Amino acid sequence: MSASEINSPRKHLHYQIKVEGILNESWSDWFGGFTITSTVETNGVPITTLIGTLPDQAALRGVLVKLWDINATLLEVQLINPNPGDLIHKLEVQK
């Protein structure tokens, strides 16, 4: 891998964000077209997963601020690997 490959920003990163609670799919437009699915964990806790593509970290911050604005409890933010073999980053939020 060359230095230019290491230093060049990636375009359109794919993210998966999990929050506690149920968000209806109708919120998709407000979250920039993210796919929204909700499930109930085996322990009975409802979890909503948002999956989508963002151009940069500023856009990710915008989505996280929107979640903050609706008082959603953030559980996980994960950079999804669109290319096998690439590094995947995951942040789990501790309660």
PDB file of N, CA and C in Angstrom:
ATOM      1  N   MET A   1       0.843  -1.173   0.000  1.00  0.00           N
ATOM      2  CA  MET A   1       0.000   0.000   0.000  1.00  0.00           C
ATOM      3  C   MET A   1       0.884   1.230   0.000  1.00  0.00           C
ATOM      4  N   SER A   2       0.590   2.165  -0.878  1.00  0.00           N
ATOM      5  CA  SER A   2       1.401   3.369  -0.989  1.00  0.00           C
ATOM      6  C   SER A   2       0.952   4.410   0.028  1.00  0.00           C
ATOM      7  N   ALA A   3       1.820   5.412   0.252  1.00  0.00           N
ATOM      8  CA  ALA A   3       1.497   6.486   1.188  1.00  0.00           C
ATOM      9  C   ALA A   3       0.257   7.251   0.730  1.00  0.00           C
ATOM     10  N   SER A   4       0.089   7.424  -0.569  1.00  0.00           N
ATOM     11  CA  SER A   4      -1.085   8.150  -1.064  1.00  0.00           C
ATOM     12  C   SER A   4      -2.369   7.372  -0.787  1.00  0.00           C
ATOM     13  N   GLU A   5      -2.322   6.028  -0.812  1.00  0.00           N
ATOM     14  CA  GLU A   5      -3.495   5.223  -0.509  1.00  0.00           C
ATOM     15  C   GLU A   5      -3.851   5.326   0.977  1.00  0.00           C
ATOM     16  N   ILE A   6      -2.843   5.399   1.827  1.00  0.00           N
ATOM     17  CA  ILE A   6      -3.073   5.501   3.264  1.00  0.00           C
ATOM     18  C   ILE A   6      -3.667   6.860   3.608  1.00  0.00           C
ATOM     19  N   ASN A   7      -3.166   7.928   2.991  1.00  0.00           N
ATOM     20  CA  ASN A   7      -3.572   9.285   3.328  1.00  0.00           C
ATOM     21  C   ASN A   7      -4.813   9.768   2.587  1.00  0.00           C
ATOM     22  N   SER A   8      -5.211   9.095   1.517  1.00  0.00           N
ATOM     23  CA  SER A   8      -6.371   9.568   0.766  1.00  0.00           C
ATOM     24  C   SER A   8      -7.657   9.169   1.476  1.00  0.00           C
ATOM     25  N   PRO A   9      -8.591  10.133   1.591  1.00  0.00           N
ATOM     26  CA  PRO A   9      -9.841   9.810   2.272  1.00  0.00           C
ATOM     27  C   PRO A   9     -10.694   8.867   1.430  1.00  0.00           C
ATOM     28  N   ARG A  10     -11.400   7.975   2.131  1.00  0.00           N
ATOM     29  CA  ARG A  10     -12.322   7.087   1.425  1.00  0.00           C
ATOM     30  C   ARG A  10     -13.607   7.843   1.156  1.00  0.00           C
ATOM     31  N   LYS A  11     -14.259   7.483   0.072  1.00  0.00           N
ATOM     32  CA  LYS A  11     -15.511   8.141  -0.261  1.00  0.00           C
ATOM     33  C   LYS A  11     -16.670   7.225   0.070  1.00  0.00           C
ATOM     34  N   HIS A  12     -17.735   7.825   0.528  1.00  0.00           N
ATOM     35  CA  HIS A  12     -18.981   7.122   0.763  1.00  0.00           C
ATOM     36  C   HIS A  12     -18.801   5.878   1.629  1.00  0.00           C
ATOM     37  N   LEU A  13     -18.598   6.118   2.895  1.00  0.00           N
ATOM     38  CA  LEU A  13     -18.431   5.042   3.858  1.00  0.00           C
ATOM     39  C   LEU A  13     -19.796   4.509   4.287  1.00  0.00           C
ATOM     40  N   HIS A  14     -19.869   3.224   4.528  1.00  0.00           N
ATOM     41  CA  HIS A  14     -21.109   2.550   4.895  1.00  0.00           C
ATOM     42  C   HIS A  14     -21.121   2.320   6.405  1.00  0.00           C
ATOM     43  N   TYR A  15     -22.199   2.750   7.054  1.00  0.00           N
ATOM     44  CA  TYR A  15     -22.291   2.657   8.504  1.00  0.00           C
ATOM     45  C   TYR A  15     -23.503   1.867   8.947  1.00  0.00           C
ATOM     46  N   GLN A  16     -23.352   1.214  10.103  1.00  0.00           N
ATOM     47  CA  GLN A  16     -24.461   0.594  10.805  1.00  0.00           C
ATOM     48  C   GLN A  16     -24.485   1.203  12.200  1.00  0.00           C
ATOM     49  N   ILE A  17     -25.636   1.743  12.571  1.00  0.00           N
ATOM     50  CA  ILE A  17     -25.793   2.399  13.868  1.00  0.00           C
ATOM     51  C   ILE A  17     -26.949   1.713  14.583  1.00  0.00           C
ATOM     52  N   LYS A  18     -26.729   1.340  15.845  1.00  0.00           N
ATOM     53  CA  LYS A  18     -27.786   0.709  16.632  1.00  0.00           C
ATOM     54  C   LYS A  18     -28.154   1.613  17.800  1.00  0.00           C
ATOM     55  N   VAL A  19     -29.470   1.746  18.009  1.00  0.00           N
ATOM     56  CA  VAL A  19     -29.980   2.520  19.132  1.00  0.00           C
ATOM     57  C   VAL A  19     -31.028   1.688  19.856  1.00  0.00           C
ATOM     58  N   GLU A  20     -31.208   2.002  21.114  1.00  0.00           N
ATOM     59  CA  GLU A  20     -32.235   1.318  21.894  1.00  0.00           C
ATOM     60  C   GLU A  20     -33.583   1.940  21.571  1.00  0.00           C
ATOM     61  N   GLY A  21     -34.599   1.097  21.458  1.00  0.00           N
ATOM     62  CA  GLY A  21     -35.941   1.586  21.179  1.00  0.00           C
ATOM     63  C   GLY A  21     -36.345   1.308  19.738  1.00  0.00           C
ATOM     64  N   ILE A  22     -37.545   1.762  19.406  1.00  0.00           N
ATOM     65  CA  ILE A  22     -38.101   1.511  18.080  1.00  0.00           C
ATOM     66  C   ILE A  22     -38.212   2.827  17.323  1.00  0.00           C
ATOM     67  N   LEU A  23     -37.615   2.876  16.140  1.00  0.00           N
ATOM     68  CA  LEU A  23     -37.805   3.986  15.206  1.00  0.00           C
ATOM     69  C   LEU A  23     -38.522   3.424  13.993  1.00  0.00           C
ATOM     70  N   ASN A  24     -39.578   4.066  13.588  1.00  0.00           N
ATOM     71  CA  ASN A  24     -40.339   3.652  12.433  1.00  0.00           C
ATOM     72  C   ASN A  24     -39.540   3.913  11.158  1.00  0.00           C
ATOM     73  N   GLU A  25     -39.773   3.119  10.115  1.00  0.00           N
ATOM     74  CA  GLU A  25     -39.094   3.299   8.829  1.00  0.00           C
ATOM     75  C   GLU A  25     -39.353   4.672   8.224  1.00  0.00           C
ATOM     76  N   SER A  26     -40.422   5.333   8.650  1.00  0.00           N
ATOM     77  CA  SER A  26     -40.741   6.655   8.108  1.00  0.00           C
ATOM     78  C   SER A  26     -39.675   7.703   8.454  1.00  0.00           C
ATOM     79  N   TRP A  27     -38.792   7.409   9.408  1.00  0.00           N
ATOM     80  CA  TRP A  27     -37.696   8.316   9.766  1.00  0.00           C
ATOM     81  C   TRP A  27     -36.554   8.276   8.742  1.00  0.00           C
ATOM     82  N   SER A  28     -36.608   7.365   7.804  1.00  0.00           N
ATOM     83  CA  SER A  28     -35.515   7.155   6.857  1.00  0.00           C
ATOM     84  C   SER A  28     -35.092   8.438   6.134  1.00  0.00           C
ATOM     85  N   ASP A  29     -36.039   9.201   5.631  1.00  0.00           N
ATOM     86  CA  ASP A  29     -35.696  10.438   4.919  1.00  0.00           C
ATOM     87  C   ASP A  29     -34.979  11.428   5.823  1.00  0.00           C
ATOM     88  N   TRP A  30     -35.432  11.538   7.068  1.00  0.00           N
ATOM     89  CA  TRP A  30     -34.810  12.474   8.009  1.00  0.00           C
ATOM     90  C   TRP A  30     -33.360  12.078   8.303  1.00  0.00           C
ATOM     91  N   PHE A  31     -33.083  10.774   8.220  1.00  0.00           N
ATOM     92  CA  PHE A  31     -31.724  10.278   8.443  1.00  0.00           C
ATOM     93  C   PHE A  31     -30.969  10.074   7.133  1.00  0.00           C
ATOM     94  N   GLY A  32     -31.301  10.826   6.114  1.00  0.00           N
ATOM     95  CA  GLY A  32     -30.537  10.814   4.867  1.00  0.00           C
ATOM     96  C   GLY A  32     -30.681   9.550   4.049  1.00  0.00           C
ATOM     97  N   GLY A  33     -31.812   8.880   4.156  1.00  0.00           N
ATOM     98  CA  GLY A  33     -32.041   7.685   3.362  1.00  0.00           C
ATOM     99  C   GLY A  33     -31.528   6.392   3.971  1.00  0.00           C
ATOM    100  N   PHE A  34     -31.133   6.435   5.232  1.00  0.00           N
ATOM    101  CA  PHE A  34     -30.688   5.209   5.899  1.00  0.00           C
ATOM    102  C   PHE A  34     -31.830   4.191   5.915  1.00  0.00           C
ATOM    103  N   THR A  35     -31.484   2.917   5.787  1.00  0.00           N
ATOM    104  CA  THR A  35     -32.443   1.837   5.963  1.00  0.00           C
ATOM    105  C   THR A  35     -32.634   1.634   7.459  1.00  0.00           C
ATOM    106  N   ILE A  36     -33.884   1.571   7.893  1.00  0.00           N
ATOM    107  CA  ILE A  36     -34.182   1.457   9.316  1.00  0.00           C
ATOM    108  C   ILE A  36     -34.965   0.173   9.565  1.00  0.00           C
ATOM    109  N   THR A  37     -34.427  -0.657  10.457  1.00  0.00           N
ATOM    110  CA  THR A  37     -35.124  -1.884  10.850  1.00  0.00           C
ATOM    111  C   THR A  37     -35.123  -1.982  12.368  1.00  0.00           C
ATOM    112  N   SER A  38     -36.202  -2.504  12.904  1.00  0.00           N
ATOM    113  CA  SER A  38     -36.318  -2.663  14.353  1.00  0.00           C
ATOM    114  C   SER A  38     -36.581  -4.118  14.694  1.00  0.00           C
ATOM    115  N   THR A  39     -35.963  -4.555  15.788  1.00  0.00           N
ATOM    116  CA  THR A  39     -36.142  -5.907  16.283  1.00  0.00           C
ATOM    117  C   THR A  39     -36.240  -5.855  17.804  1.00  0.00           C
ATOM    118  N   VAL A  40     -36.639  -6.962  18.369  1.00  0.00           N
ATOM    119  CA  VAL A  40     -36.645  -7.093  19.829  1.00  0.00           C
ATOM    120  C   VAL A  40     -35.653  -8.191  20.175  1.00  0.00           C
ATOM    121  N   GLU A  41     -34.675  -7.854  21.009  1.00  0.00           N
ATOM    122  CA  GLU A  41     -33.657  -8.814  21.432  1.00  0.00           C
ATOM    123  C   GLU A  41     -34.301  -9.897  22.298  1.00  0.00           C
ATOM    124  N   THR A  42     -33.577 -10.988  22.496  1.00  0.00           N
ATOM    125  CA  THR A  42     -34.102 -12.092  23.304  1.00  0.00           C
ATOM    126  C   THR A  42     -34.390 -11.670  24.739  1.00  0.00           C
ATOM    127  N   ASN A  43     -33.713 -10.629  25.211  1.00  0.00           N
ATOM    128  CA  ASN A  43     -33.958 -10.131  26.574  1.00  0.00           C
ATOM    129  C   ASN A  43     -35.126  -9.150  26.620  1.00  0.00           C
ATOM    130  N   GLY A  44     -35.799  -8.940  25.466  1.00  0.00           N
ATOM    131  CA  GLY A  44     -36.968  -8.069  25.417  1.00  0.00           C
ATOM    132  C   GLY A  44     -36.677  -6.613  25.101  1.00  0.00           C
ATOM    133  N   VAL A  45     -35.415  -6.258  24.918  1.00  0.00           N
ATOM    134  CA  VAL A  45     -35.048  -4.875  24.633  1.00  0.00           C
ATOM    135  C   VAL A  45     -35.229  -4.590  23.136  1.00  0.00           C
ATOM    136  N   PRO A  46     -36.012  -3.563  22.785  1.00  0.00           N
ATOM    137  CA  PRO A  46     -36.165  -3.213  21.379  1.00  0.00           C
ATOM    138  C   PRO A  46     -34.931  -2.468  20.873  1.00  0.00           C
ATOM    139  N   ILE A  47     -34.476  -2.849  19.683  1.00  0.00           N
ATOM    140  CA  ILE A  47     -33.276  -2.262  19.072  1.00  0.00           C
ATOM    141  C   ILE A  47     -33.621  -1.827  17.651  1.00  0.00           C
ATOM    142  N   THR A  48     -33.205  -0.626  17.291  1.00  0.00           N
ATOM    143  CA  THR A  48     -33.347  -0.152  15.917  1.00  0.00           C
ATOM    144  C   THR A  48     -31.962  -0.074  15.296  1.00  0.00           C
ATOM    145  N   THR A  49     -31.847  -0.586  14.070  1.00  0.00           N
ATOM    146  CA  THR A  49     -30.599  -0.555  13.323  1.00  0.00           C
ATOM    147  C   THR A  49     -30.774   0.350  12.112  1.00  0.00           C
ATOM    148  N   LEU A  50     -29.860   1.310  11.964  1.00  0.00           N
ATOM    149  CA  LEU A  50     -29.841   2.202  10.809  1.00  0.00           C
ATOM    150  C   LEU A  50     -28.622   1.838   9.974  1.00  0.00           C
ATOM    151  N   ILE A  51     -28.812   1.612   8.688  1.00  0.00           N
ATOM    152  CA  ILE A  51     -27.702   1.284   7.797  1.00  0.00           C
ATOM    153  C   ILE A  51     -27.755   2.231   6.607  1.00  0.00           C
ATOM    154  N   GLY A  52     -26.616   2.849   6.327  1.00  0.00           N
ATOM    155  CA  GLY A  52     -26.582   3.773   5.204  1.00  0.00           C
ATOM    156  C   GLY A  52     -25.186   4.206   4.844  1.00  0.00           C
ATOM    157  N   THR A  53     -25.114   5.027   3.815  1.00  0.00           N
ATOM    158  CA  THR A  53     -23.856   5.507   3.269  1.00  0.00           C
ATOM    159  C   THR A  53     -23.734   7.005   3.523  1.00  0.00           C
ATOM    160  N   LEU A  54     -22.545   7.415   3.960  1.00  0.00           N
ATOM    161  CA  LEU A  54     -22.281   8.821   4.219  1.00  0.00           C
ATOM    162  C   LEU A  54     -20.990   9.241   3.529  1.00  0.00           C
ATOM    163  N   PRO A  55     -20.912  10.495   3.096  1.00  0.00           N
ATOM    164  CA  PRO A  55     -19.724  10.943   2.368  1.00  0.00           C
ATOM    165  C   PRO A  55     -18.507  11.194   3.251  1.00  0.00           C
ATOM    166  N   ASP A  56     -18.729  11.507   4.547  1.00  0.00           N
ATOM    167  CA  ASP A  56     -17.591  11.859   5.400  1.00  0.00           C
ATOM    168  C   ASP A  56     -17.985  11.830   6.875  1.00  0.00           C
ATOM    169  N   GLN A  57     -17.008  12.122   7.735  1.00  0.00           N
ATOM    170  CA  GLN A  57     -17.225  12.109   9.177  1.00  0.00           C
ATOM    171  C   GLN A  57     -18.195  13.202   9.619  1.00  0.00           C
ATOM    172  N   ALA A  58     -18.206  14.323   8.918  1.00  0.00           N
ATOM    173  CA  ALA A  58     -19.136  15.398   9.265  1.00  0.00           C
ATOM    174  C   ALA A  58     -20.578  14.935   9.089  1.00  0.00           C
ATOM    175  N   ALA A  59     -20.842  14.185   8.040  1.00  0.00           N
ATOM    176  CA  ALA A  59     -22.187  13.656   7.811  1.00  0.00           C
ATOM    177  C   ALA A  59     -22.556  12.637   8.897  1.00  0.00           C
ATOM    178  N   LEU A  60     -21.587  11.823   9.321  1.00  0.00           N
ATOM    179  CA  LEU A  60     -21.826  10.878  10.413  1.00  0.00           C
ATOM    180  C   LEU A  60     -22.190  11.645  11.677  1.00  0.00           C
ATOM    181  N   ARG A  61     -21.470  12.700  11.951  1.00  0.00           N
ATOM    182  CA  ARG A  61     -21.772  13.519  13.128  1.00  0.00           C
ATOM    183  C   ARG A  61     -23.188  14.072  13.035  1.00  0.00           C
ATOM    184  N   GLY A  62     -23.608  14.473  11.844  1.00  0.00           N
ATOM    185  CA  GLY A  62     -24.956  14.979  11.662  1.00  0.00           C
ATOM    186  C   GLY A  62     -26.011  13.948  12.018  1.00  0.00           C
ATOM    187  N   VAL A  63     -25.799  12.700  11.611  1.00  0.00           N
ATOM    188  CA  VAL A  63     -26.739  11.624  11.953  1.00  0.00           C
ATOM    189  C   VAL A  63     -26.741  11.399  13.462  1.00  0.00           C
ATOM    190  N   LEU A  64     -25.555  11.387  14.071  1.00  0.00           N
ATOM    191  CA  LEU A  64     -25.470  11.171  15.523  1.00  0.00           C
ATOM    192  C   LEU A  64     -26.133  12.311  16.291  1.00  0.00           C
ATOM    193  N   VAL A  65     -26.019  13.537  15.790  1.00  0.00           N
ATOM    194  CA  VAL A  65     -26.679  14.678  16.434  1.00  0.00           C
ATOM    195  C   VAL A  65     -28.195  14.524  16.346  1.00  0.00           C
ATOM    196  N   LYS A  66     -28.699  14.047  15.206  1.00  0.00           N
ATOM    197  CA  LYS A  66     -30.136  13.822  15.068  1.00  0.00           C
ATOM    198  C   LYS A  66     -30.622  12.771  16.067  1.00  0.00           C
ATOM    199  N   LEU A  67     -29.832  11.730  16.252  1.00  0.00           N
ATOM    200  CA  LEU A  67     -30.183  10.719  17.248  1.00  0.00           C
ATOM    201  C   LEU A  67     -30.188  11.327  18.645  1.00  0.00           C
ATOM    202  N   TRP A  68     -29.224  12.188  18.914  1.00  0.00           N
ATOM    203  CA  TRP A  68     -29.154  12.894  20.192  1.00  0.00           C
ATOM    204  C   TRP A  68     -30.396  13.764  20.376  1.00  0.00           C
ATOM    205  N   ASP A  69     -30.778  14.459  19.298  1.00  0.00           N
ATOM    206  CA  ASP A  69     -31.934  15.365  19.358  1.00  0.00           C
ATOM    207  C   ASP A  69     -33.234  14.648  19.703  1.00  0.00           C
ATOM    208  N   ILE A  70     -33.373  13.394  19.285  1.00  0.00           N
ATOM    209  CA  ILE A  70     -34.595  12.652  19.613  1.00  0.00           C
ATOM    210  C   ILE A  70     -34.408  11.789  20.869  1.00  0.00           C
ATOM    211  N   ASN A  71     -33.287  12.010  21.554  1.00  0.00           N
ATOM    212  CA  ASN A  71     -32.984  11.345  22.831  1.00  0.00           C
ATOM    213  C   ASN A  71     -32.864   9.828  22.682  1.00  0.00           C
ATOM    214  N   ALA A  72     -32.353   9.362  21.547  1.00  0.00           N
ATOM    215  CA  ALA A  72     -32.138   7.934  21.329  1.00  0.00           C
ATOM    216  C   ALA A  72     -30.885   7.493  22.088  1.00  0.00           C
ATOM    217  N   THR A  73     -30.941   6.326  22.674  1.00  0.00           N
ATOM    218  CA  THR A  73     -29.796   5.767  23.392  1.00  0.00           C
ATOM    219  C   THR A  73     -28.917   5.027  22.389  1.00  0.00           C
ATOM    220  N   LEU A  74     -27.737   5.566  22.138  1.00  0.00           N
ATOM    221  CA  LEU A  74     -26.796   4.988  21.183  1.00  0.00           C
ATOM    222  C   LEU A  74     -26.156   3.737  21.768  1.00  0.00           C
ATOM    223  N   LEU A  75     -26.202   2.642  21.006  1.00  0.00           N
ATOM    224  CA  LEU A  75     -25.612   1.384  21.456  1.00  0.00           C
ATOM    225  C   LEU A  75     -24.340   1.035  20.692  1.00  0.00           C
ATOM    226  N   GLU A  76     -24.316   1.346  19.383  1.00  0.00           N
ATOM    227  CA  GLU A  76     -23.185   0.906  18.568  1.00  0.00           C
ATOM    228  C   GLU A  76     -23.109   1.726  17.280  1.00  0.00           C
ATOM    229  N   VAL A  77     -21.885   2.032  16.885  1.00  0.00           N
ATOM    230  CA  VAL A  77     -21.615   2.632  15.575  1.00  0.00           C
ATOM    231  C   VAL A  77     -20.554   1.755  14.934  1.00  0.00           C
ATOM    232  N   GLN A  78     -20.848   1.284  13.729  1.00  0.00           N
ATOM    233  CA  GLN A  78     -19.917   0.378  13.057  1.00  0.00           C
ATOM    234  C   GLN A  78     -19.721   0.815  11.609  1.00  0.00           C
ATOM    235  N   LEU A  79     -18.464   0.895  11.201  1.00  0.00           N
ATOM    236  CA  LEU A  79     -18.130   1.111   9.802  1.00  0.00           C
ATOM    237  C   LEU A  79     -18.226  -0.236   9.119  1.00  0.00           C
ATOM    238  N   ILE A  80     -19.172  -0.365   8.201  1.00  0.00           N
ATOM    239  CA  ILE A  80     -19.396  -1.633   7.513  1.00  0.00           C
ATOM    240  C   ILE A  80     -18.413  -1.750   6.372  1.00  0.00           C
ATOM    241  N   ASN A  81     -17.905  -2.920   6.210  1.00  0.00           N
ATOM    242  CA  ASN A  81     -16.890  -3.188   5.198  1.00  0.00           C
ATOM    243  C   ASN A  81     -17.527  -3.489   3.839  1.00  0.00           C
ATOM    244  N   PRO A  82     -17.490  -2.532   2.905  1.00  0.00           N
ATOM    245  CA  PRO A  82     -18.024  -2.807   1.578  1.00  0.00           C
ATOM    246  C   PRO A  82     -17.066  -3.620   0.711  1.00  0.00           C
ATOM    247  N   ASN A  83     -15.790  -3.681   1.108  1.00  0.00           N
ATOM    248  CA  ASN A  83     -14.769  -4.407   0.350  1.00  0.00           C
ATOM    249  C   ASN A  83     -14.123  -5.466   1.229  1.00  0.00           C
ATOM    250  N   PRO A  84     -14.342  -6.756   0.939  1.00  0.00           N
ATOM    251  CA  PRO A  84     -13.712  -7.807   1.746  1.00  0.00           C
ATOM    252  C   PRO A  84     -12.202  -7.605   1.828  1.00  0.00           C
ATOM    253  N   GLY A  85     -11.653  -7.828   3.002  1.00  0.00           N
ATOM    254  CA  GLY A  85     -10.218  -7.664   3.200  1.00  0.00           C
ATOM    255  C   GLY A  85      -9.853  -6.325   3.804  1.00  0.00           C
ATOM    256  N   ASP A  86     -10.776  -5.343   3.763  1.00  0.00           N
ATOM    257  CA  ASP A  86     -10.519  -4.035   4.359  1.00  0.00           C
ATOM    258  C   ASP A  86     -10.800  -4.092   5.852  1.00  0.00           C
ATOM    259  N   LEU A  87     -10.216  -3.172   6.577  1.00  0.00           N
ATOM    260  CA  LEU A  87     -10.400  -3.084   8.021  1.00  0.00           C
ATOM    261  C   LEU A  87     -11.802  -2.568   8.341  1.00  0.00           C
ATOM    262  N   ILE A  88     -12.424  -3.132   9.349  1.00  0.00           N
ATOM    263  CA  ILE A  88     -13.719  -2.689   9.817  1.00  0.00           C
ATOM    264  C   ILE A  88     -13.537  -2.069  11.202  1.00  0.00           C
ATOM    265  N   HIS A  89     -14.178  -0.929  11.422  1.00  0.00           N
ATOM    266  CA  HIS A  89     -14.091  -0.255  12.714  1.00  0.00           C
ATOM    267  C   HIS A  89     -15.429  -0.356  13.412  1.00  0.00           C
ATOM    268  N   LYS A  90     -15.389  -0.607  14.714  1.00  0.00           N
ATOM    269  CA  LYS A  90     -16.619  -0.738  15.472  1.00  0.00           C
ATOM    270  C   LYS A  90     -16.455  -0.012  16.803  1.00  0.00           C
ATOM    271  N   LEU A  91     -17.473   0.746  17.170  1.00  0.00           N
ATOM    272  CA  LEU A  91     -17.490   1.424  18.457  1.00  0.00           C
ATOM    273  C   LEU A  91     -18.730   0.965  19.173  1.00  0.00           C
ATOM    274  N   GLU A  92     -18.543   0.356  20.334  1.00  0.00           N
ATOM    275  CA  GLU A  92     -19.677  -0.018  21.164  1.00  0.00           C
ATOM    276  C   GLU A  92     -19.741   0.942  22.335  1.00  0.00           C
ATOM    277  N   VAL A  93     -20.921   1.426  22.603  1.00  0.00           N
ATOM    278  CA  VAL A  93     -21.119   2.380  23.671  1.00  0.00           C
ATOM    279  C   VAL A  93     -21.403   1.623  24.953  1.00  0.00           C
ATOM    280  N   GLN A  94     -20.681   1.975  26.009  1.00  0.00           N
ATOM    281  CA  GLN A  94     -20.861   1.337  27.312  1.00  0.00           C
ATOM    282  C   GLN A  94     -21.928   2.099  28.078  1.00  0.00           C
ATOM    283  N   LYS A  95     -22.827   1.355  28.707  1.00  0.00           N
ATOM    284  CA  LYS A  95     -23.859   1.999  29.533  1.00  0.00           C
ATOM    285  C   LYS A  95     -23.385   2.157  30.937  1.00  0.00           C
TER     286      LYS A  95
END
